[in-house]
N, C-alpha and C. Protein backbone atom coordinates (compact mmCIF):
# COMPACT_ATOMS: atom_id res chain seq x y z
N LEU A 1 -7.02 -12.96 11.20
CA LEU A 1 -6.28 -14.03 11.88
C LEU A 1 -4.98 -13.41 12.39
N MET A 2 -4.70 -13.60 13.68
CA MET A 2 -3.49 -13.03 14.27
C MET A 2 -2.63 -14.13 14.88
N GLY A 3 -1.35 -14.09 14.64
CA GLY A 3 -0.48 -15.08 15.20
C GLY A 3 0.95 -14.73 14.93
N TYR A 4 1.82 -15.75 15.10
CA TYR A 4 3.26 -15.56 14.94
C TYR A 4 3.71 -16.31 13.67
N ALA A 5 4.86 -15.91 13.16
CA ALA A 5 5.37 -16.45 11.89
C ALA A 5 5.66 -17.96 12.00
N ASN A 6 6.23 -18.43 13.09
CA ASN A 6 6.59 -19.80 13.19
C ASN A 6 5.45 -20.81 12.86
N PRO A 7 4.27 -20.69 13.52
CA PRO A 7 3.22 -21.62 13.20
C PRO A 7 2.76 -21.56 11.72
N PHE A 8 2.73 -20.34 11.17
CA PHE A 8 2.31 -20.20 9.76
C PHE A 8 3.33 -20.81 8.82
N GLU A 9 4.63 -20.57 9.11
CA GLU A 9 5.65 -21.19 8.26
C GLU A 9 5.69 -22.70 8.42
N ARG A 10 5.46 -23.19 9.67
CA ARG A 10 5.47 -24.62 9.93
C ARG A 10 4.28 -25.27 9.20
N TYR A 11 3.18 -24.57 9.10
CA TYR A 11 2.00 -25.09 8.37
C TYR A 11 2.40 -25.44 6.91
N ASP A 12 3.08 -24.50 6.27
CA ASP A 12 3.55 -24.67 4.91
C ASP A 12 4.55 -25.85 4.86
N GLN A 13 5.42 -26.01 5.84
CA GLN A 13 6.38 -27.09 5.85
C GLN A 13 5.64 -28.44 5.93
N ARG A 14 4.59 -28.53 6.70
CA ARG A 14 3.87 -29.76 6.86
C ARG A 14 2.90 -30.06 5.73
N HIS A 15 2.32 -29.01 5.13
CA HIS A 15 1.24 -29.23 4.20
C HIS A 15 1.61 -28.80 2.74
N GLY A 16 2.78 -28.27 2.56
CA GLY A 16 3.21 -27.87 1.23
C GLY A 16 3.25 -26.38 1.06
N ALA A 17 4.16 -25.91 0.17
CA ALA A 17 4.33 -24.50 -0.05
C ALA A 17 3.03 -23.87 -0.47
N GLY A 18 2.71 -22.75 0.13
CA GLY A 18 1.48 -22.02 -0.16
C GLY A 18 0.24 -22.52 0.48
N ALA A 19 0.33 -23.61 1.27
CA ALA A 19 -0.88 -24.20 1.88
C ALA A 19 -1.52 -23.30 2.90
N PHE A 20 -0.70 -22.57 3.66
CA PHE A 20 -1.28 -21.69 4.67
C PHE A 20 -2.18 -20.69 4.02
N VAL A 21 -1.71 -19.98 3.01
CA VAL A 21 -2.51 -18.93 2.33
C VAL A 21 -3.76 -19.56 1.71
N ALA A 22 -3.60 -20.67 0.99
CA ALA A 22 -4.73 -21.30 0.35
C ALA A 22 -5.78 -21.74 1.37
N ASP A 23 -5.32 -22.40 2.46
CA ASP A 23 -6.27 -22.89 3.44
C ASP A 23 -6.91 -21.73 4.23
N ALA A 24 -6.15 -20.70 4.49
CA ALA A 24 -6.70 -19.51 5.17
C ALA A 24 -7.84 -18.93 4.32
N ARG A 25 -7.54 -18.80 3.03
CA ARG A 25 -8.58 -18.26 2.09
C ARG A 25 -9.87 -19.13 2.10
N ALA A 26 -9.64 -20.42 1.99
CA ALA A 26 -10.74 -21.36 1.96
C ALA A 26 -11.54 -21.31 3.23
N ALA A 27 -10.92 -20.98 4.34
CA ALA A 27 -11.62 -20.91 5.65
C ALA A 27 -12.29 -19.55 5.87
N GLY A 28 -12.09 -18.62 4.89
CA GLY A 28 -12.76 -17.33 5.00
C GLY A 28 -11.96 -16.24 5.67
N VAL A 29 -10.67 -16.47 5.90
CA VAL A 29 -9.85 -15.43 6.47
C VAL A 29 -9.71 -14.29 5.51
N ASP A 30 -9.86 -13.03 5.95
CA ASP A 30 -9.78 -11.91 5.06
C ASP A 30 -8.62 -11.01 5.45
N GLY A 31 -7.93 -11.26 6.53
CA GLY A 31 -6.78 -10.48 6.93
C GLY A 31 -5.89 -11.30 7.86
N VAL A 32 -4.56 -11.11 7.75
CA VAL A 32 -3.62 -11.79 8.60
C VAL A 32 -2.65 -10.79 9.17
N LEU A 33 -2.53 -10.79 10.53
CA LEU A 33 -1.59 -9.98 11.24
C LEU A 33 -0.54 -10.97 11.84
N VAL A 34 0.68 -10.93 11.34
CA VAL A 34 1.74 -11.81 11.83
C VAL A 34 2.56 -10.89 12.71
N VAL A 35 2.48 -11.04 14.02
CA VAL A 35 3.01 -10.12 14.99
C VAL A 35 4.51 -9.94 14.79
N ASP A 36 5.27 -10.98 14.44
CA ASP A 36 6.72 -10.88 14.38
C ASP A 36 7.26 -10.85 12.95
N TYR A 37 6.43 -10.47 11.99
CA TYR A 37 6.90 -10.28 10.63
C TYR A 37 7.02 -8.81 10.33
N PRO A 38 8.23 -8.29 10.37
CA PRO A 38 8.41 -6.88 9.94
C PRO A 38 8.11 -6.75 8.45
N PRO A 39 7.54 -5.62 8.01
CA PRO A 39 7.18 -5.49 6.60
C PRO A 39 8.31 -5.66 5.67
N GLU A 40 9.48 -5.22 6.04
CA GLU A 40 10.63 -5.31 5.10
C GLU A 40 11.12 -6.74 4.94
N GLU A 41 10.69 -7.66 5.84
CA GLU A 41 11.15 -9.08 5.72
C GLU A 41 10.04 -9.99 5.20
N CYS A 42 8.91 -9.47 4.87
CA CYS A 42 7.84 -10.46 4.45
C CYS A 42 7.08 -9.94 3.23
N GLU A 43 7.74 -9.26 2.35
CA GLU A 43 7.08 -8.74 1.15
C GLU A 43 6.53 -9.89 0.30
N ALA A 44 7.26 -10.98 0.17
CA ALA A 44 6.82 -12.12 -0.65
C ALA A 44 5.53 -12.72 0.02
N PHE A 45 5.58 -12.91 1.35
CA PHE A 45 4.40 -13.44 2.04
C PHE A 45 3.21 -12.49 1.90
N ALA A 46 3.43 -11.20 2.05
CA ALA A 46 2.37 -10.21 1.90
C ALA A 46 1.79 -10.25 0.52
N ALA A 47 2.63 -10.42 -0.49
CA ALA A 47 2.18 -10.49 -1.90
C ALA A 47 1.33 -11.77 -2.11
N ARG A 48 1.71 -12.91 -1.51
CA ARG A 48 0.92 -14.11 -1.59
C ARG A 48 -0.44 -13.93 -0.98
N LEU A 49 -0.46 -13.31 0.23
CA LEU A 49 -1.74 -13.00 0.87
C LEU A 49 -2.61 -12.13 -0.04
N ALA A 50 -2.03 -11.07 -0.53
CA ALA A 50 -2.80 -10.11 -1.35
C ALA A 50 -3.32 -10.77 -2.60
N SER A 51 -2.56 -11.64 -3.20
CA SER A 51 -3.01 -12.34 -4.43
C SER A 51 -4.15 -13.29 -4.16
N ALA A 52 -4.30 -13.72 -2.88
CA ALA A 52 -5.43 -14.56 -2.48
C ALA A 52 -6.61 -13.79 -1.96
N GLY A 53 -6.49 -12.43 -1.98
CA GLY A 53 -7.56 -11.59 -1.47
C GLY A 53 -7.55 -11.49 0.06
N ILE A 54 -6.41 -11.74 0.65
CA ILE A 54 -6.21 -11.62 2.12
C ILE A 54 -5.33 -10.41 2.41
N ASP A 55 -5.79 -9.57 3.30
CA ASP A 55 -5.01 -8.33 3.64
C ASP A 55 -3.89 -8.66 4.62
N PRO A 56 -2.65 -8.26 4.28
CA PRO A 56 -1.59 -8.31 5.25
C PRO A 56 -1.70 -7.10 6.11
N ILE A 57 -1.76 -7.35 7.44
CA ILE A 57 -1.95 -6.27 8.44
C ILE A 57 -0.71 -6.17 9.29
N PHE A 58 -0.30 -4.96 9.66
CA PHE A 58 0.90 -4.78 10.46
C PHE A 58 0.64 -3.97 11.66
N LEU A 59 1.46 -4.17 12.70
CA LEU A 59 1.45 -3.40 13.93
C LEU A 59 2.33 -2.19 13.82
N LEU A 60 1.87 -1.10 14.39
CA LEU A 60 2.70 0.10 14.60
C LEU A 60 2.58 0.49 16.03
N ALA A 61 3.68 0.76 16.66
CA ALA A 61 3.67 1.11 18.12
C ALA A 61 4.10 2.55 18.34
N PRO A 62 3.92 3.05 19.51
CA PRO A 62 4.30 4.44 19.79
C PRO A 62 5.80 4.63 19.57
N THR A 63 6.61 3.55 19.58
CA THR A 63 8.05 3.65 19.36
C THR A 63 8.45 3.46 17.86
N SER A 64 7.47 3.24 17.05
CA SER A 64 7.79 3.03 15.60
C SER A 64 8.44 4.25 14.98
N THR A 65 9.46 4.00 14.19
CA THR A 65 10.12 5.08 13.44
C THR A 65 9.33 5.45 12.22
N GLU A 66 9.65 6.60 11.66
CA GLU A 66 8.96 7.00 10.41
C GLU A 66 9.35 6.04 9.28
N GLN A 67 10.61 5.48 9.33
CA GLN A 67 10.94 4.50 8.29
C GLN A 67 10.06 3.25 8.41
N ARG A 68 9.85 2.81 9.66
CA ARG A 68 8.95 1.65 9.83
C ARG A 68 7.56 1.97 9.29
N MET A 69 7.07 3.15 9.57
CA MET A 69 5.75 3.60 9.08
C MET A 69 5.74 3.54 7.53
N ARG A 70 6.77 4.04 6.91
CA ARG A 70 6.85 3.98 5.44
C ARG A 70 6.88 2.53 4.93
N ASP A 71 7.61 1.68 5.66
CA ASP A 71 7.68 0.27 5.23
C ASP A 71 6.29 -0.40 5.35
N VAL A 72 5.61 -0.09 6.46
CA VAL A 72 4.24 -0.64 6.62
C VAL A 72 3.33 -0.06 5.57
N GLY A 73 3.42 1.22 5.28
CA GLY A 73 2.58 1.86 4.26
C GLY A 73 2.79 1.27 2.87
N ARG A 74 3.96 0.74 2.61
CA ARG A 74 4.24 0.16 1.30
C ARG A 74 3.53 -1.20 1.10
N VAL A 75 3.38 -2.00 2.14
CA VAL A 75 2.85 -3.37 2.00
C VAL A 75 1.51 -3.64 2.67
N ALA A 76 1.09 -2.83 3.59
CA ALA A 76 -0.15 -3.06 4.37
C ALA A 76 -1.36 -2.91 3.47
N ARG A 77 -2.33 -3.75 3.72
CA ARG A 77 -3.66 -3.64 3.08
C ARG A 77 -4.67 -3.82 4.19
N GLY A 78 -5.92 -3.43 3.95
CA GLY A 78 -6.93 -3.60 4.95
C GLY A 78 -6.90 -2.50 5.97
N TYR A 79 -5.99 -2.60 6.93
CA TYR A 79 -5.80 -1.61 7.97
C TYR A 79 -4.43 -1.83 8.60
N ALA A 80 -3.99 -0.83 9.37
CA ALA A 80 -2.83 -0.97 10.24
C ALA A 80 -3.29 -0.96 11.66
N TYR A 81 -2.74 -1.85 12.50
CA TYR A 81 -3.12 -1.96 13.88
C TYR A 81 -2.09 -1.09 14.68
N CYS A 82 -2.60 -0.04 15.28
CA CYS A 82 -1.74 0.89 16.02
C CYS A 82 -1.90 0.66 17.50
N VAL A 83 -0.81 0.39 18.14
CA VAL A 83 -0.74 0.12 19.57
C VAL A 83 -0.84 1.46 20.32
N SER A 84 -1.79 1.53 21.26
CA SER A 84 -2.09 2.82 21.90
C SER A 84 -1.16 3.19 23.01
N LEU A 85 -0.35 2.25 23.53
CA LEU A 85 0.51 2.57 24.64
C LEU A 85 1.73 1.69 24.67
N LYS A 86 2.74 2.13 25.37
CA LYS A 86 3.94 1.32 25.55
C LYS A 86 3.66 0.31 26.66
N GLY A 87 4.19 -0.86 26.57
CA GLY A 87 3.98 -1.91 27.58
C GLY A 87 3.15 -3.05 27.02
N VAL A 88 2.50 -3.77 27.93
CA VAL A 88 1.74 -4.94 27.49
C VAL A 88 0.26 -4.58 27.40
N THR A 89 -0.47 -5.34 26.59
CA THR A 89 -1.89 -5.11 26.44
C THR A 89 -2.64 -5.29 27.74
N GLY A 90 -3.61 -4.45 27.97
CA GLY A 90 -4.42 -4.56 29.20
C GLY A 90 -3.82 -3.84 30.37
N ALA A 91 -2.69 -3.22 30.23
CA ALA A 91 -2.08 -2.50 31.28
C ALA A 91 -1.81 -1.05 30.92
N GLY A 92 -1.68 -0.20 31.91
CA GLY A 92 -1.29 1.18 31.67
C GLY A 92 -2.39 2.12 31.36
N HIS A 93 -2.07 3.35 31.33
CA HIS A 93 -3.03 4.43 31.04
C HIS A 93 -2.86 4.96 29.62
N ILE A 94 -3.92 5.14 28.93
CA ILE A 94 -3.84 5.58 27.55
C ILE A 94 -3.88 7.15 27.54
N ASP A 95 -2.89 7.74 26.97
CA ASP A 95 -2.87 9.20 26.75
C ASP A 95 -3.45 9.47 25.38
N VAL A 96 -4.74 9.88 25.38
CA VAL A 96 -5.46 10.07 24.10
C VAL A 96 -4.81 11.13 23.22
N ALA A 97 -4.33 12.18 23.81
CA ALA A 97 -3.64 13.22 22.99
C ALA A 97 -2.37 12.67 22.32
N SER A 98 -1.60 11.84 23.01
CA SER A 98 -0.41 11.27 22.39
C SER A 98 -0.78 10.28 21.29
N VAL A 99 -1.84 9.54 21.50
CA VAL A 99 -2.33 8.59 20.45
C VAL A 99 -2.72 9.41 19.21
N ALA A 100 -3.45 10.50 19.43
CA ALA A 100 -3.89 11.34 18.27
C ALA A 100 -2.73 11.87 17.50
N GLN A 101 -1.66 12.31 18.22
CA GLN A 101 -0.44 12.78 17.56
C GLN A 101 0.21 11.63 16.77
N MET A 102 0.29 10.45 17.38
CA MET A 102 0.91 9.31 16.71
C MET A 102 0.13 8.95 15.48
N LEU A 103 -1.20 8.94 15.52
CA LEU A 103 -2.05 8.61 14.36
C LEU A 103 -1.83 9.62 13.27
N ALA A 104 -1.73 10.90 13.59
CA ALA A 104 -1.49 11.92 12.58
C ALA A 104 -0.20 11.69 11.85
N LEU A 105 0.85 11.29 12.57
CA LEU A 105 2.13 10.99 11.92
C LEU A 105 2.06 9.76 11.09
N ILE A 106 1.41 8.72 11.60
CA ILE A 106 1.28 7.51 10.84
C ILE A 106 0.53 7.76 9.55
N ARG A 107 -0.51 8.57 9.60
CA ARG A 107 -1.31 8.86 8.36
C ARG A 107 -0.47 9.48 7.24
N ARG A 108 0.61 10.11 7.59
CA ARG A 108 1.45 10.74 6.53
C ARG A 108 2.19 9.64 5.73
N HIS A 109 2.24 8.43 6.30
CA HIS A 109 3.03 7.35 5.67
C HIS A 109 2.23 6.14 5.30
N VAL A 110 1.07 5.97 5.89
CA VAL A 110 0.29 4.73 5.80
C VAL A 110 -1.10 5.05 5.20
N PRO A 111 -1.39 4.58 3.97
CA PRO A 111 -2.64 4.97 3.31
C PRO A 111 -3.87 4.14 3.68
N VAL A 112 -3.72 3.14 4.54
CA VAL A 112 -4.91 2.32 4.90
C VAL A 112 -5.51 2.80 6.20
N PRO A 113 -6.74 2.45 6.49
CA PRO A 113 -7.40 2.85 7.76
C PRO A 113 -6.56 2.41 8.95
N LEU A 114 -6.74 3.10 10.07
CA LEU A 114 -6.01 2.80 11.27
C LEU A 114 -6.92 2.31 12.37
N ALA A 115 -6.57 1.20 12.94
CA ALA A 115 -7.26 0.64 14.12
C ALA A 115 -6.35 0.85 15.31
N VAL A 116 -6.98 1.21 16.44
CA VAL A 116 -6.21 1.43 17.69
C VAL A 116 -6.64 0.39 18.69
N GLY A 117 -5.64 -0.22 19.34
CA GLY A 117 -5.88 -1.22 20.37
C GLY A 117 -4.81 -1.19 21.43
N PHE A 118 -4.95 -2.03 22.43
CA PHE A 118 -4.13 -2.23 23.61
C PHE A 118 -4.57 -1.28 24.72
N GLY A 119 -5.04 -1.86 25.77
CA GLY A 119 -5.38 -1.10 26.95
C GLY A 119 -6.73 -0.46 26.98
N ILE A 120 -7.55 -0.66 25.93
CA ILE A 120 -8.91 -0.04 25.90
C ILE A 120 -9.82 -0.90 26.68
N LYS A 121 -10.43 -0.25 27.69
CA LYS A 121 -11.20 -1.07 28.69
C LYS A 121 -12.64 -0.57 28.82
N ASN A 122 -13.03 0.55 28.25
CA ASN A 122 -14.37 1.05 28.48
C ASN A 122 -14.82 1.95 27.35
N ALA A 123 -16.10 2.38 27.40
CA ALA A 123 -16.68 3.18 26.36
C ALA A 123 -16.05 4.55 26.25
N GLU A 124 -15.70 5.16 27.40
CA GLU A 124 -15.10 6.47 27.40
C GLU A 124 -13.78 6.47 26.61
N GLN A 125 -12.91 5.46 26.86
CA GLN A 125 -11.65 5.37 26.11
C GLN A 125 -11.91 5.08 24.64
N ALA A 126 -12.86 4.19 24.39
CA ALA A 126 -13.11 3.85 22.93
C ALA A 126 -13.60 5.08 22.19
N VAL A 127 -14.55 5.84 22.78
CA VAL A 127 -15.04 7.05 22.08
C VAL A 127 -13.94 8.04 21.90
N ALA A 128 -13.13 8.26 22.90
CA ALA A 128 -12.05 9.28 22.78
C ALA A 128 -11.06 8.90 21.70
N LEU A 129 -10.72 7.62 21.58
CA LEU A 129 -9.76 7.17 20.57
C LEU A 129 -10.39 7.10 19.19
N ALA A 130 -11.66 6.80 19.09
CA ALA A 130 -12.38 6.73 17.82
C ALA A 130 -12.45 8.07 17.13
N ALA A 131 -12.26 9.16 17.83
CA ALA A 131 -12.22 10.44 17.19
C ALA A 131 -11.10 10.54 16.13
N ASP A 132 -10.04 9.76 16.29
CA ASP A 132 -8.93 9.82 15.40
C ASP A 132 -8.60 8.52 14.67
N ALA A 133 -9.39 7.50 14.90
CA ALA A 133 -9.15 6.18 14.28
C ALA A 133 -10.39 5.67 13.64
N GLU A 134 -10.19 4.78 12.63
CA GLU A 134 -11.31 4.18 11.96
C GLU A 134 -11.86 2.96 12.68
N ALA A 135 -11.08 2.41 13.58
CA ALA A 135 -11.53 1.20 14.30
C ALA A 135 -10.89 1.18 15.69
N ILE A 136 -11.56 0.50 16.59
CA ILE A 136 -11.12 0.32 17.96
C ILE A 136 -11.04 -1.20 18.21
N VAL A 137 -9.94 -1.65 18.82
CA VAL A 137 -9.76 -3.06 19.12
C VAL A 137 -9.76 -3.22 20.63
N ILE A 138 -10.66 -4.03 21.14
CA ILE A 138 -10.72 -4.34 22.57
C ILE A 138 -10.47 -5.83 22.70
N GLY A 139 -9.37 -6.21 23.28
CA GLY A 139 -9.05 -7.64 23.41
C GLY A 139 -8.96 -8.08 24.86
N SER A 140 -7.99 -7.65 25.58
CA SER A 140 -7.75 -8.10 26.92
C SER A 140 -8.91 -7.92 27.88
N ALA A 141 -9.54 -6.79 27.81
CA ALA A 141 -10.68 -6.57 28.73
C ALA A 141 -11.83 -7.54 28.45
N LEU A 142 -12.03 -7.87 27.21
CA LEU A 142 -13.03 -8.89 26.81
C LEU A 142 -12.63 -10.26 27.26
N VAL A 143 -11.38 -10.62 26.98
CA VAL A 143 -10.85 -11.93 27.31
C VAL A 143 -10.92 -12.17 28.85
N GLU A 144 -10.63 -11.12 29.66
CA GLU A 144 -10.74 -11.24 31.10
C GLU A 144 -12.16 -11.63 31.49
N ARG A 145 -13.17 -10.98 30.89
CA ARG A 145 -14.53 -11.34 31.25
C ARG A 145 -14.92 -12.73 30.77
N LEU A 146 -14.46 -13.12 29.59
CA LEU A 146 -14.77 -14.43 29.11
C LEU A 146 -14.14 -15.55 29.95
N ALA A 147 -12.95 -15.26 30.44
CA ALA A 147 -12.27 -16.23 31.28
C ALA A 147 -12.96 -16.53 32.59
N GLN A 148 -13.77 -15.62 33.04
CA GLN A 148 -14.55 -15.79 34.31
C GLN A 148 -15.81 -16.52 34.11
N ALA A 149 -16.25 -16.73 32.86
CA ALA A 149 -17.54 -17.37 32.56
C ALA A 149 -17.44 -18.88 32.90
N GLN A 150 -18.59 -19.40 33.34
CA GLN A 150 -18.66 -20.83 33.70
C GLN A 150 -18.99 -21.71 32.52
N ASP A 151 -19.64 -21.10 31.49
CA ASP A 151 -20.10 -21.93 30.33
C ASP A 151 -20.28 -21.00 29.15
N VAL A 152 -20.60 -21.56 28.02
CA VAL A 152 -20.75 -20.78 26.78
C VAL A 152 -21.86 -19.70 26.93
N ALA A 153 -22.96 -20.08 27.47
CA ALA A 153 -24.06 -19.09 27.60
C ALA A 153 -23.65 -17.90 28.48
N SER A 154 -22.98 -18.15 29.60
CA SER A 154 -22.58 -17.02 30.46
C SER A 154 -21.44 -16.26 29.81
N ALA A 155 -20.62 -16.87 28.98
CA ALA A 155 -19.58 -16.15 28.27
C ALA A 155 -20.22 -15.20 27.23
N CYS A 156 -21.20 -15.71 26.53
CA CYS A 156 -21.89 -14.86 25.55
C CYS A 156 -22.62 -13.70 26.24
N ASN A 157 -23.25 -13.98 27.31
CA ASN A 157 -23.94 -12.94 28.09
C ASN A 157 -22.98 -11.90 28.60
N SER A 158 -21.83 -12.32 29.15
CA SER A 158 -20.84 -11.42 29.66
C SER A 158 -20.30 -10.54 28.53
N ALA A 159 -19.99 -11.13 27.40
CA ALA A 159 -19.50 -10.34 26.23
C ALA A 159 -20.53 -9.31 25.82
N GLN A 160 -21.82 -9.72 25.73
CA GLN A 160 -22.87 -8.82 25.28
C GLN A 160 -23.01 -7.64 26.27
N GLN A 161 -23.00 -7.95 27.61
CA GLN A 161 -23.16 -6.91 28.63
C GLN A 161 -21.95 -5.96 28.61
N PHE A 162 -20.80 -6.46 28.31
CA PHE A 162 -19.59 -5.59 28.25
C PHE A 162 -19.57 -4.79 26.99
N LEU A 163 -19.82 -5.38 25.84
CA LEU A 163 -19.66 -4.69 24.56
C LEU A 163 -20.82 -3.82 24.18
N ALA A 164 -22.02 -4.08 24.56
CA ALA A 164 -23.19 -3.37 24.13
C ALA A 164 -23.07 -1.86 24.50
N PRO A 165 -22.74 -1.48 25.70
CA PRO A 165 -22.65 -0.07 26.01
C PRO A 165 -21.50 0.62 25.23
N ILE A 166 -20.44 -0.11 24.97
CA ILE A 166 -19.32 0.47 24.19
C ILE A 166 -19.76 0.73 22.75
N ARG A 167 -20.47 -0.26 22.17
CA ARG A 167 -21.00 -0.14 20.84
C ARG A 167 -21.96 1.07 20.76
N ALA A 168 -22.87 1.19 21.75
CA ALA A 168 -23.84 2.25 21.77
C ALA A 168 -23.12 3.62 21.88
N ALA A 169 -22.12 3.70 22.70
CA ALA A 169 -21.38 4.94 22.85
C ALA A 169 -20.67 5.31 21.55
N LEU A 170 -20.07 4.34 20.90
CA LEU A 170 -19.37 4.60 19.62
C LEU A 170 -20.40 5.03 18.55
N ASP A 171 -21.54 4.37 18.48
CA ASP A 171 -22.57 4.78 17.50
C ASP A 171 -23.08 6.15 17.78
N ALA A 172 -23.33 6.52 19.02
CA ALA A 172 -23.81 7.85 19.36
C ALA A 172 -22.74 8.91 19.00
N ALA A 173 -21.47 8.62 19.28
CA ALA A 173 -20.41 9.59 18.93
C ALA A 173 -20.29 9.74 17.45
N SER A 174 -20.48 8.61 16.66
CA SER A 174 -20.39 8.68 15.23
C SER A 174 -21.51 9.53 14.66
N LYS A 175 -22.69 9.38 15.22
CA LYS A 175 -23.86 10.22 14.75
C LYS A 175 -23.61 11.69 15.00
N LEU A 176 -23.04 12.01 16.16
CA LEU A 176 -22.76 13.43 16.45
C LEU A 176 -21.69 13.98 15.53
N LYS A 177 -20.71 13.15 15.23
CA LYS A 177 -19.62 13.56 14.33
C LYS A 177 -20.12 13.84 12.95
N ALA A 178 -21.07 12.99 12.50
CA ALA A 178 -21.65 13.11 11.12
C ALA A 178 -22.55 14.34 11.01
N ALA A 179 -23.12 14.75 12.10
CA ALA A 179 -24.13 15.85 12.08
C ALA A 179 -23.48 17.19 11.92
């Protein structure tokens, strides 16, 4: 579950202290990424999540300092979401070599798996980035296709047509890597 601190905090204000974590767990949420919660300011929230079996997940950007990486490494569970480029999601060119360098630095401070996202639009980019990450996140490119769909069936078809070749390319690369 990904969102901002204000709605999560407001949920507890309206439904009682601890309601967000309890209700998220009851709904089957297994990880929460609060975009605007820096790790040094939400250790109590991260502990409540962890005690409910929900992983607190944090963003790391190309501009993150090593201190920020250490802070994330101290409280993150599940995985860390690494932003592949500067700017907004869905825009810009991904420099795979720079991302690989960034991931190597992050690994020195963060013990959880690393997912890479922002700006990934095709199988070629996904495979290149997967060489150094445990997961690939594709959001904007998928949302753009879903937004063009006329109904649920066409949305599902569009998602399948877009994601199937990416999944196949990642699986093929994984098999080559394992061999």
